[in-house]
N, C-alpha and C. Protein backbone atom coordinates (compact mmCIF):
# COMPACT_ATOMS: atom_id res chain seq x y z
N UNK A 1 115.93 135.90 112.41
CA UNK A 1 114.71 136.37 112.78
C UNK A 1 113.73 134.81 112.42
N UNK A 2 113.77 135.20 110.69
CA UNK A 2 112.82 134.71 109.98
C UNK A 2 113.26 132.74 110.42
N UNK A 3 114.57 132.49 110.20
CA UNK A 3 115.30 131.42 109.91
C UNK A 3 114.85 130.92 111.56
N UNK A 4 115.08 131.47 112.29
CA UNK A 4 113.94 130.69 113.77
C UNK A 4 112.72 130.72 113.74
N UNK A 5 111.78 130.62 112.87
CA UNK A 5 110.64 130.43 113.05
C UNK A 5 110.43 129.84 111.73
N UNK A 6 110.94 129.67 110.88
CA UNK A 6 110.94 128.30 109.89
C UNK A 6 111.11 127.41 110.58
N UNK A 7 112.19 127.32 111.80
CA UNK A 7 113.25 125.90 112.65
C UNK A 7 111.65 125.31 114.20
N UNK A 8 111.09 126.50 114.37
CA UNK A 8 110.03 126.37 114.76
C UNK A 8 109.07 125.93 114.01
N UNK A 9 108.56 126.34 112.99
CA UNK A 9 107.60 125.56 112.32
C UNK A 9 108.17 123.77 111.30
N UNK A 10 109.02 123.33 112.10
CA UNK A 10 109.08 122.38 111.63
C UNK A 10 109.58 121.57 112.54
N UNK A 11 109.55 121.75 114.19
CA UNK A 11 109.52 121.57 115.29
C UNK A 11 107.91 120.45 115.43
N UNK A 12 108.59 119.45 115.26
CA UNK A 12 107.48 118.40 116.05
C UNK A 12 107.27 118.23 117.44
N UNK A 13 106.23 117.60 117.90
CA UNK A 13 105.88 117.30 119.38
C UNK A 13 105.37 115.95 118.66
N UNK A 14 106.49 114.99 119.37
CA UNK A 14 105.40 113.29 119.30
C UNK A 14 105.30 112.41 120.94
N UNK A 15 104.39 111.48 120.93
CA UNK A 15 103.54 111.29 121.18
C UNK A 15 103.76 109.72 120.68
N UNK A 16 104.08 108.93 121.79
CA UNK A 16 103.41 106.44 122.01
C UNK A 16 103.16 106.33 122.81
N UNK A 17 102.25 105.45 122.10
CA UNK A 17 101.50 104.44 123.43
C UNK A 17 101.56 102.92 122.59
N UNK A 18 101.87 102.59 123.71
CA UNK A 18 101.38 100.48 122.61
C UNK A 18 100.31 100.07 124.02
N UNK A 19 99.64 99.33 123.89
CA UNK A 19 99.05 98.05 123.95
C UNK A 19 98.63 96.90 123.45
N UNK A 20 97.81 96.22 124.15
CA UNK A 20 98.87 94.80 123.66
C UNK A 20 97.67 94.30 122.72
N UNK A 21 97.92 93.58 121.65
CA UNK A 21 97.33 93.35 120.51
C UNK A 21 97.54 91.45 120.55
N UNK A 22 97.09 91.20 119.27
CA UNK A 22 97.60 89.30 119.71
C UNK A 22 98.38 88.92 120.45
N UNK A 23 99.02 87.97 120.20
CA UNK A 23 99.68 87.06 120.84
C UNK A 23 100.70 87.48 120.28
N UNK A 24 101.89 88.26 120.82
CA UNK A 24 103.67 88.35 120.74
C UNK A 24 103.35 90.01 119.80
N UNK A 25 102.36 90.84 120.00
CA UNK A 25 102.52 91.84 119.10
C UNK A 25 101.77 92.65 120.11
N UNK A 26 101.98 93.99 119.70
CA UNK A 26 101.71 95.09 119.98
C UNK A 26 100.62 95.91 119.19
N UNK A 27 100.25 97.31 119.03
CA UNK A 27 99.87 98.11 118.75
C UNK A 27 99.71 99.37 118.78
N UNK A 28 100.86 100.01 118.36
CA UNK A 28 101.57 100.90 119.02
C UNK A 28 101.09 102.68 118.34
N UNK A 29 100.29 102.92 119.61
CA UNK A 29 99.97 104.15 118.33
C UNK A 29 100.60 105.56 118.43
N UNK A 30 100.58 106.24 117.45
CA UNK A 30 101.97 107.59 117.73
C UNK A 30 100.91 109.22 117.24
N UNK A 31 101.32 109.62 117.67
CA UNK A 31 100.50 110.99 117.09
C UNK A 31 101.66 112.10 117.39
N UNK A 32 101.93 113.26 115.96
CA UNK A 32 102.97 113.56 115.80
C UNK A 32 101.93 115.09 115.22
N UNK A 33 102.23 116.68 115.76
CA UNK A 33 102.09 117.65 115.78
C UNK A 33 103.16 118.07 115.28
N UNK A 34 103.08 119.52 114.83
CA UNK A 34 103.88 120.72 114.64
C UNK A 34 103.37 122.27 113.85
N UNK A 35 104.16 123.02 113.74
CA UNK A 35 102.77 124.97 113.32
C UNK A 35 101.99 124.16 112.02
N UNK A 36 102.39 123.61 111.11
CA UNK A 36 101.99 122.85 110.15
C UNK A 36 100.66 121.70 109.55
N UNK A 37 101.51 120.96 110.67
CA UNK A 37 100.63 119.77 110.73
C UNK A 37 99.66 119.74 112.36
N UNK A 38 98.49 120.07 112.02
CA UNK A 38 97.58 119.96 113.77
C UNK A 38 97.71 118.87 114.14
N UNK A 39 97.68 117.73 113.37
CA UNK A 39 97.90 115.98 113.79
C UNK A 39 97.67 115.52 113.06
N UNK A 40 98.93 115.14 113.19
CA UNK A 40 99.14 112.95 112.33
C UNK A 40 99.31 112.00 113.15
N UNK A 41 98.62 111.26 112.76
CA UNK A 41 98.57 109.66 113.66
C UNK A 41 98.27 108.67 112.96
N UNK A 42 99.29 107.24 113.69
CA UNK A 42 99.31 106.36 112.98
C UNK A 42 99.13 105.79 113.87
N UNK A 43 98.28 103.81 113.87
CA UNK A 43 98.43 102.63 114.33
C UNK A 43 99.58 101.83 113.75
N UNK A 44 100.77 101.59 114.44
CA UNK A 44 101.55 100.36 114.06
C UNK A 44 101.65 99.30 114.90
N UNK A 45 101.13 97.99 114.45
CA UNK A 45 101.44 96.67 114.23
C UNK A 45 102.72 96.20 114.70
N UNK A 46 103.14 95.93 115.85
CA UNK A 46 104.58 95.33 115.99
C UNK A 46 105.00 95.01 116.77
N UNK A 47 105.98 93.78 117.01
CA UNK A 47 106.34 92.69 117.82
C UNK A 47 106.42 93.51 119.26
N UNK A 48 106.04 92.29 119.81
CA UNK A 48 105.80 93.08 121.39
C UNK A 48 106.73 91.26 121.98
N UNK A 49 107.84 91.45 121.94
CA UNK A 49 108.80 90.71 122.54
C UNK A 49 109.00 89.84 124.37
N UNK A 50 108.42 88.80 124.69
CA UNK A 50 108.64 88.50 125.84
C UNK A 50 109.95 88.99 126.91
N UNK A 51 109.45 90.06 127.50
CA UNK A 51 110.13 90.58 128.56
C UNK A 51 110.20 91.95 128.60
N UNK A 52 109.85 91.75 127.07
CA UNK A 52 109.86 93.41 127.02
C UNK A 52 108.46 94.39 127.83
N UNK A 53 109.07 95.71 127.86
CA UNK A 53 108.07 96.97 128.14
C UNK A 53 107.44 97.91 127.57
N UNK A 54 106.72 98.61 127.52
CA UNK A 54 105.82 99.00 126.93
C UNK A 54 106.69 100.06 126.26
N UNK A 55 107.28 100.94 127.37
CA UNK A 55 108.64 101.86 126.62
C UNK A 55 109.34 101.58 125.45
N UNK A 56 109.85 100.45 125.46
CA UNK A 56 111.21 99.37 124.50
C UNK A 56 109.76 98.86 123.68
N UNK A 57 108.82 98.72 123.59
CA UNK A 57 108.15 98.73 122.13
C UNK A 57 107.27 99.99 121.68
N UNK A 58 107.39 101.21 122.22
CA UNK A 58 107.13 101.86 121.81
C UNK A 58 108.74 102.84 121.26
N UNK A 59 109.16 102.72 121.77
CA UNK A 59 110.70 103.56 121.20
C UNK A 59 110.70 102.40 120.15
N UNK A 60 110.97 101.07 120.10
CA UNK A 60 111.10 100.49 118.33
C UNK A 60 110.12 101.29 117.57
N UNK A 61 108.84 101.48 117.88
CA UNK A 61 107.76 101.29 116.71
C UNK A 61 108.12 102.84 116.28
N UNK A 62 108.44 103.67 117.14
CA UNK A 62 109.28 105.24 116.95
C UNK A 62 110.16 104.90 115.45
N UNK A 63 111.78 103.80 116.12
CA UNK A 63 113.00 104.17 115.40
C UNK A 63 112.19 103.25 114.11
N UNK A 64 111.28 102.15 113.97
CA UNK A 64 110.25 101.67 112.48
C UNK A 64 109.74 102.77 111.99
N UNK A 65 108.68 103.45 112.68
CA UNK A 65 108.28 104.57 111.75
C UNK A 65 109.57 106.06 111.04
N UNK A 66 110.44 106.27 111.73
CA UNK A 66 111.31 106.92 111.39
C UNK A 66 112.39 106.34 109.95
N UNK A 67 112.00 105.62 110.09
CA UNK A 67 113.11 104.63 108.89
C UNK A 67 112.09 104.74 107.08
N UNK A 68 111.15 104.66 107.27
CA UNK A 68 109.74 104.85 107.10
C UNK A 68 109.37 105.75 106.49
N UNK A 69 109.09 106.70 107.39
CA UNK A 69 109.77 108.42 106.85
C UNK A 69 110.47 109.21 106.01
N UNK A 70 111.52 108.31 106.46
CA UNK A 70 112.71 108.76 105.31
C UNK A 70 112.28 107.86 103.90
N UNK A 71 111.98 106.90 104.14
CA UNK A 71 111.52 106.14 102.89
C UNK A 71 110.65 107.55 102.24
N UNK A 72 109.90 107.68 102.65
CA UNK A 72 108.59 108.56 102.29
C UNK A 72 109.26 109.33 101.81
N UNK A 73 109.48 110.01 102.01
CA UNK A 73 110.42 111.45 102.00
C UNK A 73 111.25 111.12 100.39
N UNK A 74 111.95 109.84 100.19
CA UNK A 74 113.14 110.13 99.01
C UNK A 74 111.99 110.01 98.03
N UNK A 75 110.98 109.30 98.46
CA UNK A 75 110.05 108.96 97.24
C UNK A 75 108.90 110.38 96.62
N UNK A 76 109.25 110.76 97.75
CA UNK A 76 107.79 112.41 97.24
C UNK A 76 109.33 112.96 96.52
N UNK A 77 110.47 113.43 97.21
CA UNK A 77 111.42 113.89 96.49
C UNK A 77 111.81 113.26 94.97
N UNK A 78 111.86 111.67 94.39
CA UNK A 78 111.94 111.68 93.50
C UNK A 78 110.42 111.75 92.94
N UNK A 79 109.53 111.91 93.42
CA UNK A 79 107.95 112.16 91.96
C UNK A 79 107.88 113.48 92.30
N UNK A 80 108.38 114.57 93.25
CA UNK A 80 108.02 116.32 92.71
C UNK A 80 109.01 116.00 91.56
N UNK A 81 110.29 115.55 91.50
CA UNK A 81 111.28 115.96 90.89
C UNK A 81 111.21 115.59 89.54
N UNK A 82 110.31 114.59 89.48
CA UNK A 82 109.98 114.01 87.85
C UNK A 82 108.82 115.24 87.45
N UNK A 83 107.81 115.60 88.26
CA UNK A 83 106.59 116.35 87.94
C UNK A 83 107.31 117.33 87.15
N UNK A 84 108.59 118.14 87.91
CA UNK A 84 108.85 119.88 88.25
C UNK A 84 109.50 119.50 86.47
N UNK A 85 109.93 118.38 86.47
CA UNK A 85 110.98 118.72 84.88
C UNK A 85 110.17 118.17 83.49
N UNK A 86 108.94 117.77 84.05
CA UNK A 86 108.02 117.18 82.97
C UNK A 86 107.43 118.91 82.73
N UNK A 87 107.52 119.98 83.70
CA UNK A 87 107.17 121.08 83.17
C UNK A 87 105.47 121.60 84.22
């Protein structure tokens, strides 16, 4: 039972919306939330290629954001490990 509750606490709800920026770019607003984080919001500047539609741009931004979060998570783990080693 406790394991199921933990999983629910970690489950995210994510929404993204793109709006045109300067020529060839878009601003994609991404909002995420879960039980532990009431709201986390980002505005990202990404390329908006000719012929691309908003869902394509939003999807691309979400993939980029997921890669950035993986790098951030790795850095957080490295910094936390160094602090634990220092006592």
